[in-house]
All heavy atoms as atom14 arrays in JSON, in Angstrom:
{
  "sequence": "NMEESVEWYRKNLGFEVVKEDGYVPPLKAKIVFIEKDGYQIELF",
  "atom14_mask": [
    [1, 1, 1, 1, 1, 1, 1, 1, 0, 0, 0, 0, 0, 0],
    [1, 1, 1, 1, 1, 1, 1, 1, 0, 0, 0, 0, 0, 0],
    [1, 1, 1, 1, 1, 1, 1, 1, 1, 0, 0, 0, 0, 0],
    [1, 1, 1, 1, 1, 1, 1, 1, 1, 0, 0, 0, 0, 0],
    [1, 1, 1, 1, 1, 1, 0, 0, 0, 0, 0, 0, 0, 0],
    [1, 1, 1, 1, 1, 1, 1, 0, 0, 0, 0, 0, 0, 0],
    [1, 1, 1, 1, 1, 1, 1, 1, 1, 0, 0, 0, 0, 0],
    [1, 1, 1, 1, 1, 1, 1, 1, 1, 1, 1, 1, 1, 1],
    [1, 1, 1, 1, 1, 1, 1, 1, 1, 1, 1, 1, 0, 0],
    [1, 1, 1, 1, 1, 1, 1, 1, 1, 1, 1, 0, 0, 0],
    [1, 1, 1, 1, 1, 1, 1, 1, 1, 0, 0, 0, 0, 0],
    [1, 1, 1, 1, 1, 1, 1, 1, 0, 0, 0, 0, 0, 0],
    [1, 1, 1, 1, 1, 1, 1, 1, 0, 0, 0, 0, 0, 0],
    [1, 1, 1, 1, 0, 0, 0, 0, 0, 0, 0, 0, 0, 0],
    [1, 1, 1, 1, 1, 1, 1, 1, 1, 1, 1, 0, 0, 0],
    [1, 1, 1, 1, 1, 1, 1, 1, 1, 0, 0, 0, 0, 0],
    [1, 1, 1, 1, 1, 1, 1, 0, 0, 0, 0, 0, 0, 0],
    [1, 1, 1, 1, 1, 1, 1, 0, 0, 0, 0, 0, 0, 0],
    [1, 1, 1, 1, 1, 1, 1, 1, 1, 0, 0, 0, 0, 0],
    [1, 1, 1, 1, 1, 1, 1, 1, 1, 0, 0, 0, 0, 0],
    [1, 1, 1, 1, 1, 1, 1, 1, 0, 0, 0, 0, 0, 0],
    [1, 1, 1, 1, 0, 0, 0, 0, 0, 0, 0, 0, 0, 0],
    [1, 1, 1, 1, 1, 1, 1, 1, 1, 1, 1, 1, 0, 0],
    [1, 1, 1, 1, 1, 1, 1, 0, 0, 0, 0, 0, 0, 0],
    [1, 1, 1, 1, 1, 1, 1, 0, 0, 0, 0, 0, 0, 0],
    [1, 1, 1, 1, 1, 1, 1, 0, 0, 0, 0, 0, 0, 0],
    [1, 1, 1, 1, 1, 1, 1, 1, 0, 0, 0, 0, 0, 0],
    [1, 1, 1, 1, 1, 1, 1, 1, 1, 0, 0, 0, 0, 0],
    [1, 1, 1, 1, 1, 0, 0, 0, 0, 0, 0, 0, 0, 0],
    [1, 1, 1, 1, 1, 1, 1, 1, 1, 0, 0, 0, 0, 0],
    [1, 1, 1, 1, 1, 1, 1, 1, 0, 0, 0, 0, 0, 0],
    [1, 1, 1, 1, 1, 1, 1, 0, 0, 0, 0, 0, 0, 0],
    [1, 1, 1, 1, 1, 1, 1, 1, 1, 1, 1, 0, 0, 0],
    [1, 1, 1, 1, 1, 1, 1, 1, 0, 0, 0, 0, 0, 0],
    [1, 1, 1, 1, 1, 1, 1, 1, 1, 0, 0, 0, 0, 0],
    [1, 1, 1, 1, 1, 1, 1, 1, 1, 0, 0, 0, 0, 0],
    [1, 1, 1, 1, 1, 1, 1, 1, 0, 0, 0, 0, 0, 0],
    [1, 1, 1, 1, 0, 0, 0, 0, 0, 0, 0, 0, 0, 0],
    [1, 1, 1, 1, 1, 1, 1, 1, 1, 1, 1, 1, 0, 0],
    [1, 1, 1, 1, 1, 1, 1, 1, 1, 0, 0, 0, 0, 0],
    [1, 1, 1, 1, 1, 1, 1, 1, 0, 0, 0, 0, 0, 0],
    [1, 1, 1, 1, 1, 1, 1, 1, 1, 0, 0, 0, 0, 0],
    [1, 1, 1, 1, 1, 1, 1, 1, 0, 0, 0, 0, 0, 0],
    [1, 1, 1, 1, 1, 1, 1, 1, 1, 1, 1, 0, 0, 0]
  ],
  "atom14_positions": [
    [[108.43, 1.38, -7.19], [108.42, -0.08, -7.08], [107.72, -0.46, -5.77], [108.21, -0.1, -4.69], [109.87, -0.61, -7.1], [109.93, -2.11, -6.97], [109.68, -2.66, -5.9], [110.28, -2.76, -8.06], [0.0, 0.0, 0.0], [0.0, 0.0, 0.0], [0.0, 0.0, 0.0], [0.0, 0.0, 0.0], [0.0, 0.0, 0.0], [0.0, 0.0, 0.0]],
    [[106.6, -1.17, -5.87], [105.79, -1.49, -4.7], [106.54, -2.34, -3.68], [106.55, -2.03, -2.49], [104.49, -2.19, -5.13], [103.53, -2.42, -3.98], [102.91, -0.88, -3.25], [101.77, -0.34, -4.52], [0.0, 0.0, 0.0], [0.0, 0.0, 0.0], [0.0, 0.0, 0.0], [0.0, 0.0, 0.0], [0.0, 0.0, 0.0], [0.0, 0.0, 0.0]],
    [[107.16, -3.41, -4.13], [107.82, -4.32, -3.19], [108.96, -3.61, -2.45], [109.1, -3.75, -1.23], [108.34, -5.56, -3.93], [107.25, -6.48, -4.44], [106.5, -5.94, -5.68], [107.06, -5.11, -6.44], [105.34, -6.35, -5.86], [0.0, 0.0, 0.0], [0.0, 0.0, 0.0], [0.0, 0.0, 0.0], [0.0, 0.0, 0.0], [0.0, 0.0, 0.0]],
    [[109.76, -2.86, -3.18], [110.86, -2.12, -2.56], [110.32, -1.09, -1.57], [110.87, -0.92, -0.47], [111.67, -1.42, -3.65], [112.86, -0.65, -3.15], [113.62, 0.05, -4.27], [113.67, -0.47, -5.4], [114.15, 1.15, -4.0], [0.0, 0.0, 0.0], [0.0, 0.0, 0.0], [0.0, 0.0, 0.0], [0.0, 0.0, 0.0], [0.0, 0.0, 0.0]],
    [[109.24, -0.42, -1.92], [108.67, 0.61, -1.06], [108.06, 0.01, 0.2], [108.27, 0.53, 1.31], [107.62, 1.41, -1.83], [108.23, 2.06, -2.92], [0.0, 0.0, 0.0], [0.0, 0.0, 0.0], [0.0, 0.0, 0.0], [0.0, 0.0, 0.0], [0.0, 0.0, 0.0], [0.0, 0.0, 0.0], [0.0, 0.0, 0.0], [0.0, 0.0, 0.0]],
    [[107.32, -1.07, 0.06], [106.73, -1.73, 1.24], [107.85, -2.15, 2.19], [107.76, -1.94, 3.41], [105.87, -2.95, 0.81], [105.54, -3.83, 2.0], [104.58, -2.46, 0.14], [0.0, 0.0, 0.0], [0.0, 0.0, 0.0], [0.0, 0.0, 0.0], [0.0, 0.0, 0.0], [0.0, 0.0, 0.0], [0.0, 0.0, 0.0], [0.0, 0.0, 0.0]],
    [[108.92, -2.71, 1.65], [110.04, -3.14, 2.49], [110.72, -1.94, 3.15], [111.09, -1.99, 4.33], [111.05, -3.94, 1.66], [112.29, -4.36, 2.43], [112.05, -5.2, 3.67], [110.94, -5.77, 3.83], [112.96, -5.29, 4.51], [0.0, 0.0, 0.0], [0.0, 0.0, 0.0], [0.0, 0.0, 0.0], [0.0, 0.0, 0.0], [0.0, 0.0, 0.0]],
    [[110.88, -0.83, 2.43], [111.51, 0.35, 3.0], [110.69, 0.87, 4.19], [111.25, 1.16, 5.25], [111.64, 1.46, 1.96], [112.51, 2.6, 2.4], [113.84, 2.75, 2.16], [112.11, 3.73, 3.2], [114.29, 3.92, 2.76], [113.25, 4.53, 3.4], [110.9, 4.14, 3.76], [113.22, 5.71, 4.13], [110.86, 5.32, 4.49], [112.01, 6.09, 4.68]],
    [[109.38, 0.99, 4.03], [108.52, 1.5, 5.1], [108.45, 0.51, 6.27], [108.33, 0.92, 7.43], [107.13, 1.85, 4.57], [107.11, 3.2, 3.88], [107.42, 3.32, 2.53], [106.83, 4.36, 4.58], [107.45, 4.55, 1.89], [106.84, 5.6, 3.96], [107.16, 5.7, 2.62], [107.19, 6.92, 2.0], [0.0, 0.0, 0.0], [0.0, 0.0, 0.0]],
    [[108.54, -0.77, 6.0], [108.56, -1.78, 7.08], [109.86, -1.67, 7.86], [109.87, -1.53, 9.08], [108.4, -3.19, 6.5], [108.31, -4.28, 7.6], [108.66, -5.66, 7.08], [110.02, -5.74, 6.59], [111.12, -5.77, 7.35], [111.03, -5.67, 8.66], [112.33, -5.87, 6.8], [0.0, 0.0, 0.0], [0.0, 0.0, 0.0], [0.0, 0.0, 0.0]],
    [[110.98, -1.72, 7.15], [112.3, -1.75, 7.78], [112.64, -0.46, 8.52], [113.22, -0.5, 9.61], [113.36, -2.0, 6.7], [114.78, -2.05, 7.2], [115.71, -2.33, 6.03], [117.16, -2.37, 6.47], [118.06, -2.63, 5.32], [0.0, 0.0, 0.0], [0.0, 0.0, 0.0], [0.0, 0.0, 0.0], [0.0, 0.0, 0.0], [0.0, 0.0, 0.0]],
    [[112.29, 0.68, 7.96], [112.71, 1.96, 8.53], [111.69, 2.63, 9.43], [112.06, 3.41, 10.3], [113.12, 2.91, 7.4], [114.36, 2.41, 6.7], [115.42, 2.35, 7.3], [114.22, 2.02, 5.45], [0.0, 0.0, 0.0], [0.0, 0.0, 0.0], [0.0, 0.0, 0.0], [0.0, 0.0, 0.0], [0.0, 0.0, 0.0], [0.0, 0.0, 0.0]],
    [[110.39, 2.35, 9.21], [109.36, 3.03, 10.0], [108.41, 2.09, 10.72], [107.54, 2.55, 11.46], [108.57, 3.99, 9.1], [109.37, 5.06, 8.36], [108.44, 5.96, 7.57], [110.23, 5.86, 9.31], [0.0, 0.0, 0.0], [0.0, 0.0, 0.0], [0.0, 0.0, 0.0], [0.0, 0.0, 0.0], [0.0, 0.0, 0.0], [0.0, 0.0, 0.0]],
    [[108.53, 0.79, 10.49], [107.69, -0.17, 11.21], [106.29, -0.35, 10.66], [105.42, -0.89, 11.34], [0.0, 0.0, 0.0], [0.0, 0.0, 0.0], [0.0, 0.0, 0.0], [0.0, 0.0, 0.0], [0.0, 0.0, 0.0], [0.0, 0.0, 0.0], [0.0, 0.0, 0.0], [0.0, 0.0, 0.0], [0.0, 0.0, 0.0], [0.0, 0.0, 0.0]],
    [[106.03, 0.07, 9.42], [104.72, -0.12, 8.81], [104.56, -1.57, 8.35], [105.54, -2.2, 7.95], [104.54, 0.8, 7.6], [104.13, 2.2, 7.96], [105.07, 3.13, 8.37], [102.79, 2.59, 7.91], [104.71, 4.42, 8.71], [102.42, 3.87, 8.24], [103.37, 4.79, 8.64], [0.0, 0.0, 0.0], [0.0, 0.0, 0.0], [0.0, 0.0, 0.0]],
    [[103.34, -2.08, 8.39], [103.01, -3.42, 7.92], [101.87, -3.34, 6.92], [100.99, -2.47, 7.03], [102.62, -4.34, 9.08], [103.73, -4.56, 10.1], [104.94, -5.31, 9.54], [104.78, -6.07, 8.55], [106.06, -5.13, 10.08], [0.0, 0.0, 0.0], [0.0, 0.0, 0.0], [0.0, 0.0, 0.0], [0.0, 0.0, 0.0], [0.0, 0.0, 0.0]],
    [[101.86, -4.25, 5.98], [100.78, -4.3, 4.99], [99.49, -4.72, 5.68], [99.46, -5.7, 6.43], [101.12, -5.31, 3.86], [99.92, -5.51, 2.93], [102.33, -4.83, 3.07], [0.0, 0.0, 0.0], [0.0, 0.0, 0.0], [0.0, 0.0, 0.0], [0.0, 0.0, 0.0], [0.0, 0.0, 0.0], [0.0, 0.0, 0.0], [0.0, 0.0, 0.0]],
    [[98.41, -3.96, 5.43], [97.1, -4.31, 6.0], [96.07, -4.62, 4.91], [95.04, -5.24, 5.19], [96.55, -3.2, 6.94], [97.4, -3.11, 8.2], [96.45, -1.86, 6.24], [0.0, 0.0, 0.0], [0.0, 0.0, 0.0], [0.0, 0.0, 0.0], [0.0, 0.0, 0.0], [0.0, 0.0, 0.0], [0.0, 0.0, 0.0], [0.0, 0.0, 0.0]],
    [[96.35, -4.2, 3.67], [95.41, -4.45, 2.59], [96.14, -4.35, 1.26], [96.87, -3.39, 1.02], [94.27, -3.44, 2.63], [93.18, -3.67, 1.6], [92.09, -2.61, 1.75], [91.07, -2.74, 0.65], [90.22, -1.58, 0.54], [0.0, 0.0, 0.0], [0.0, 0.0, 0.0], [0.0, 0.0, 0.0], [0.0, 0.0, 0.0], [0.0, 0.0, 0.0]],
    [[95.95, -5.35, 0.42], [96.52, -5.33, -0.93], [95.38, -5.37, -1.93], [94.7, -6.38, -2.05], [97.45, -6.52, -1.14], [98.69, -6.46, -0.27], [99.69, -7.57, -0.59], [100.06, -7.7, -1.77], [100.07, -8.27, 0.35], [0.0, 0.0, 0.0], [0.0, 0.0, 0.0], [0.0, 0.0, 0.0], [0.0, 0.0, 0.0], [0.0, 0.0, 0.0]],
    [[95.18, -4.27, -2.62], [94.12, -4.22, -3.62], [94.57, -4.79, -4.95], [93.75, -5.03, -5.83], [93.65, -2.77, -3.84], [92.86, -2.23, -2.66], [92.4, -3.04, -1.83], [92.7, -1.01, -2.57], [0.0, 0.0, 0.0], [0.0, 0.0, 0.0], [0.0, 0.0, 0.0], [0.0, 0.0, 0.0], [0.0, 0.0, 0.0], [0.0, 0.0, 0.0]],
    [[95.89, -4.99, -5.11], [96.41, -5.47, -6.38], [96.24, -4.4, -7.45], [96.21, -3.21, -7.16], [0.0, 0.0, 0.0], [0.0, 0.0, 0.0], [0.0, 0.0, 0.0], [0.0, 0.0, 0.0], [0.0, 0.0, 0.0], [0.0, 0.0, 0.0], [0.0, 0.0, 0.0], [0.0, 0.0, 0.0], [0.0, 0.0, 0.0], [0.0, 0.0, 0.0]],
    [[96.1, -4.84, -8.69], [95.93, -3.91, -9.8], [94.49, -3.43, -9.83], [93.55, -4.21, -9.83], [96.28, -4.59, -11.12], [96.2, -3.66, -12.3], [97.2, -2.73, -12.55], [95.11, -3.7, -13.16], [97.12, -1.86, -13.63], [95.02, -2.83, -14.25], [96.03, -1.92, -14.48], [95.95, -1.06, -15.54], [0.0, 0.0, 0.0], [0.0, 0.0, 0.0]],
    [[94.31, -2.11, -9.85], [92.99, -1.49, -9.85], [92.78, -0.86, -11.23], [93.34, 0.21, -11.52], [92.87, -0.45, -8.73], [91.49, 0.21, -8.76], [93.15, -1.08, -7.37], [0.0, 0.0, 0.0], [0.0, 0.0, 0.0], [0.0, 0.0, 0.0], [0.0, 0.0, 0.0], [0.0, 0.0, 0.0], [0.0, 0.0, 0.0], [0.0, 0.0, 0.0]],
    [[92.0, -1.51, -12.11], [91.84, -1.04, -13.49], [91.44, 0.43, -13.66], [92.04, 1.11, -14.49], [90.78, -1.98, -14.07], [90.96, -3.24, -13.29], [91.3, -2.78, -11.89], [0.0, 0.0, 0.0], [0.0, 0.0, 0.0], [0.0, 0.0, 0.0], [0.0, 0.0, 0.0], [0.0, 0.0, 0.0], [0.0, 0.0, 0.0], [0.0, 0.0, 0.0]],
    [[90.48, 0.97, -12.88], [90.13, 2.38, -13.11], [91.31, 3.34, -12.91], [91.38, 4.38, -13.55], [89.02, 2.66, -12.09], [88.47, 1.33, -11.74], [89.61, 0.36, -11.87], [0.0, 0.0, 0.0], [0.0, 0.0, 0.0], [0.0, 0.0, 0.0], [0.0, 0.0, 0.0], [0.0, 0.0, 0.0], [0.0, 0.0, 0.0], [0.0, 0.0, 0.0]],
    [[92.23, 2.98, -12.02], [93.39, 3.83, -11.76], [94.61, 3.4, -12.57], [95.59, 4.14, -12.65], [93.75, 3.8, -10.28], [92.7, 4.36, -9.33], [93.16, 4.24, -7.89], [92.4, 5.81, -9.66], [0.0, 0.0, 0.0], [0.0, 0.0, 0.0], [0.0, 0.0, 0.0], [0.0, 0.0, 0.0], [0.0, 0.0, 0.0], [0.0, 0.0, 0.0]],
    [[94.56, 2.19, -13.1], [95.7, 1.62, -13.84], [96.94, 1.59, -12.97], [98.05, 1.93, -13.39], [95.95, 2.38, -15.13], [94.78, 2.32, -16.09], [95.05, 3.07, -17.36], [93.81, 2.98, -18.23], [93.77, 3.93, -19.3], [0.0, 0.0, 0.0], [0.0, 0.0, 0.0], [0.0, 0.0, 0.0], [0.0, 0.0, 0.0], [0.0, 0.0, 0.0]],
    [[96.75, 1.17, -11.7], [97.84, 1.13, -10.73], [97.65, -0.02, -9.75], [96.53, -0.45, -9.5], [97.9, 2.44, -9.96], [0.0, 0.0, 0.0], [0.0, 0.0, 0.0], [0.0, 0.0, 0.0], [0.0, 0.0, 0.0], [0.0, 0.0, 0.0], [0.0, 0.0, 0.0], [0.0, 0.0, 0.0], [0.0, 0.0, 0.0], [0.0, 0.0, 0.0]],
    [[98.77, -0.48, -9.18], [98.72, -1.41, -8.05], [98.58, -0.57, -6.79], [99.19, 0.51, -6.68], [100.01, -2.22, -7.95], [100.15, -3.3, -8.97], [101.23, -4.3, -8.57], [102.59, -3.8, -8.96], [103.67, -4.78, -8.71], [0.0, 0.0, 0.0], [0.0, 0.0, 0.0], [0.0, 0.0, 0.0], [0.0, 0.0, 0.0], [0.0, 0.0, 0.0]],
    [[97.79, -1.06, -5.84], [97.57, -0.33, -4.59], [97.77, -1.25, -3.39], [97.25, -2.37, -3.37], [96.15, 0.28, -4.54], [95.98, 1.3, -5.68], [95.89, 0.93, -3.18], [94.6, 1.88, -5.78], [0.0, 0.0, 0.0], [0.0, 0.0, 0.0], [0.0, 0.0, 0.0], [0.0, 0.0, 0.0], [0.0, 0.0, 0.0], [0.0, 0.0, 0.0]],
    [[98.53, -0.76, -2.41], [98.75, -1.46, -1.15], [98.61, -0.45, -0.02], [99.12, 0.66, -0.11], [100.15, -2.12, -1.11], [100.47, -2.66, 0.28], [100.28, -3.22, -2.15], [0.0, 0.0, 0.0], [0.0, 0.0, 0.0], [0.0, 0.0, 0.0], [0.0, 0.0, 0.0], [0.0, 0.0, 0.0], [0.0, 0.0, 0.0], [0.0, 0.0, 0.0]],
    [[97.9, -0.85, 1.05], [97.8, -0.03, 2.25], [98.75, -0.59, 3.3], [98.75, -1.8, 3.56], [96.37, -0.05, 2.81], [95.4, 0.79, 2.04], [94.76, 0.28, 0.91], [95.11, 2.08, 2.44], [93.86, 1.05, 0.19], [94.2, 2.86, 1.74], [93.57, 2.34, 0.61], [0.0, 0.0, 0.0], [0.0, 0.0, 0.0], [0.0, 0.0, 0.0]],
    [[99.54, 0.3, 3.9], [100.4, -0.08, 5.01], [99.97, 0.72, 6.23], [99.37, 1.8, 6.11], [101.89, 0.16, 4.67], [102.16, 1.61, 4.25], [102.34, -0.81, 3.57], [103.61, 1.93, 3.99], [0.0, 0.0, 0.0], [0.0, 0.0, 0.0], [0.0, 0.0, 0.0], [0.0, 0.0, 0.0], [0.0, 0.0, 0.0], [0.0, 0.0, 0.0]],
    [[100.27, 0.19, 7.43], [99.77, 0.84, 8.65], [100.77, 0.7, 9.79], [101.46, -0.3, 9.92], [98.45, 0.2, 9.07], [97.81, 0.81, 10.28], [96.45, 0.22, 10.6], [95.62, 0.09, 9.68], [96.23, -0.11, 11.77], [0.0, 0.0, 0.0], [0.0, 0.0, 0.0], [0.0, 0.0, 0.0], [0.0, 0.0, 0.0], [0.0, 0.0, 0.0]],
    [[100.79, 1.75, 10.62], [101.53, 1.74, 11.88], [100.73, 2.56, 12.88], [100.36, 3.71, 12.59], [102.92, 2.34, 11.71], [103.71, 2.39, 13.03], [105.06, 3.04, 12.83], [105.73, 3.31, 14.15], [106.41, 2.17, 14.71], [0.0, 0.0, 0.0], [0.0, 0.0, 0.0], [0.0, 0.0, 0.0], [0.0, 0.0, 0.0], [0.0, 0.0, 0.0]],
    [[100.47, 1.98, 14.02], [99.76, 2.67, 15.11], [98.46, 3.33, 14.65], [98.14, 4.45, 15.05], [100.67, 3.73, 15.76], [101.92, 3.12, 16.39], [101.86, 1.95, 16.82], [102.96, 3.81, 16.43], [0.0, 0.0, 0.0], [0.0, 0.0, 0.0], [0.0, 0.0, 0.0], [0.0, 0.0, 0.0], [0.0, 0.0, 0.0], [0.0, 0.0, 0.0]],
    [[97.72, 2.64, 13.79], [96.42, 3.15, 13.33], [96.49, 4.15, 12.19], [95.46, 4.59, 11.7], [0.0, 0.0, 0.0], [0.0, 0.0, 0.0], [0.0, 0.0, 0.0], [0.0, 0.0, 0.0], [0.0, 0.0, 0.0], [0.0, 0.0, 0.0], [0.0, 0.0, 0.0], [0.0, 0.0, 0.0], [0.0, 0.0, 0.0], [0.0, 0.0, 0.0]],
    [[97.69, 4.53, 11.78], [97.86, 5.48, 10.67], [98.21, 4.7, 9.41], [99.13, 3.88, 9.42], [98.95, 6.49, 11.0], [99.28, 7.4, 9.84], [98.35, 8.33, 9.38], [100.48, 7.31, 9.18], [98.63, 9.15, 8.31], [100.78, 8.12, 8.11], [99.84, 9.04, 7.67], [100.11, 9.85, 6.61], [0.0, 0.0, 0.0], [0.0, 0.0, 0.0]],
    [[97.49, 4.96, 8.33], [97.7, 4.23, 7.09], [98.29, 5.12, 5.99], [97.98, 6.31, 5.91], [96.4, 3.63, 6.57], [95.87, 2.51, 7.44], [94.68, 1.81, 6.82], [94.19, 2.17, 5.76], [94.2, 0.78, 7.5], [0.0, 0.0, 0.0], [0.0, 0.0, 0.0], [0.0, 0.0, 0.0], [0.0, 0.0, 0.0], [0.0, 0.0, 0.0]],
    [[99.11, 4.48, 5.16], [99.61, 5.09, 3.94], [99.16, 4.21, 2.79], [99.29, 2.98, 2.86], [101.15, 5.23, 3.94], [101.6, 6.18, 5.05], [101.65, 5.7, 2.58], [103.11, 6.3, 5.2], [0.0, 0.0, 0.0], [0.0, 0.0, 0.0], [0.0, 0.0, 0.0], [0.0, 0.0, 0.0], [0.0, 0.0, 0.0], [0.0, 0.0, 0.0]],
    [[98.59, 4.84, 1.77], [98.17, 4.12, 0.57], [99.26, 4.31, -0.49], [99.55, 5.43, -0.89], [96.83, 4.69, 0.07], [96.3, 4.0, -1.16], [94.99, 4.62, -1.62], [94.67, 5.77, -1.23], [94.28, 3.96, -2.39], [0.0, 0.0, 0.0], [0.0, 0.0, 0.0], [0.0, 0.0, 0.0], [0.0, 0.0, 0.0], [0.0, 0.0, 0.0]],
    [[99.88, 3.21, -0.88], [100.94, 3.25, -1.88], [100.37, 2.92, -3.25], [99.6, 1.96, -3.38], [102.05, 2.26, -1.53], [102.74, 2.46, -0.18], [103.73, 1.32, 0.07], [103.43, 3.81, -0.11], [0.0, 0.0, 0.0], [0.0, 0.0, 0.0], [0.0, 0.0, 0.0], [0.0, 0.0, 0.0], [0.0, 0.0, 0.0], [0.0, 0.0, 0.0]],
    [[100.74, 3.71, -4.25], [100.31, 3.51, -5.65], [101.53, 3.21, -6.49], [102.53, 3.94, -6.4], [99.69, 4.79, -6.23], [98.46, 5.27, -5.55], [98.54, 6.09, -4.44], [97.21, 4.91, -6.02], [97.4, 6.56, -3.81], [96.06, 5.39, -5.42], [96.16, 6.2, -4.3], [0.0, 0.0, 0.0], [0.0, 0.0, 0.0], [0.0, 0.0, 0.0]]
  ]
}
């Protein structure tokens, strides 16, 4: 679950959303990038 995951990483590790690609048809997935101190995690 994207919303739950973004909130978990924000609340527990201090990550913030830096880019929301939304639904990406070639992958058939929603994609959001979160970042802390220059390090990014791409959530699918």
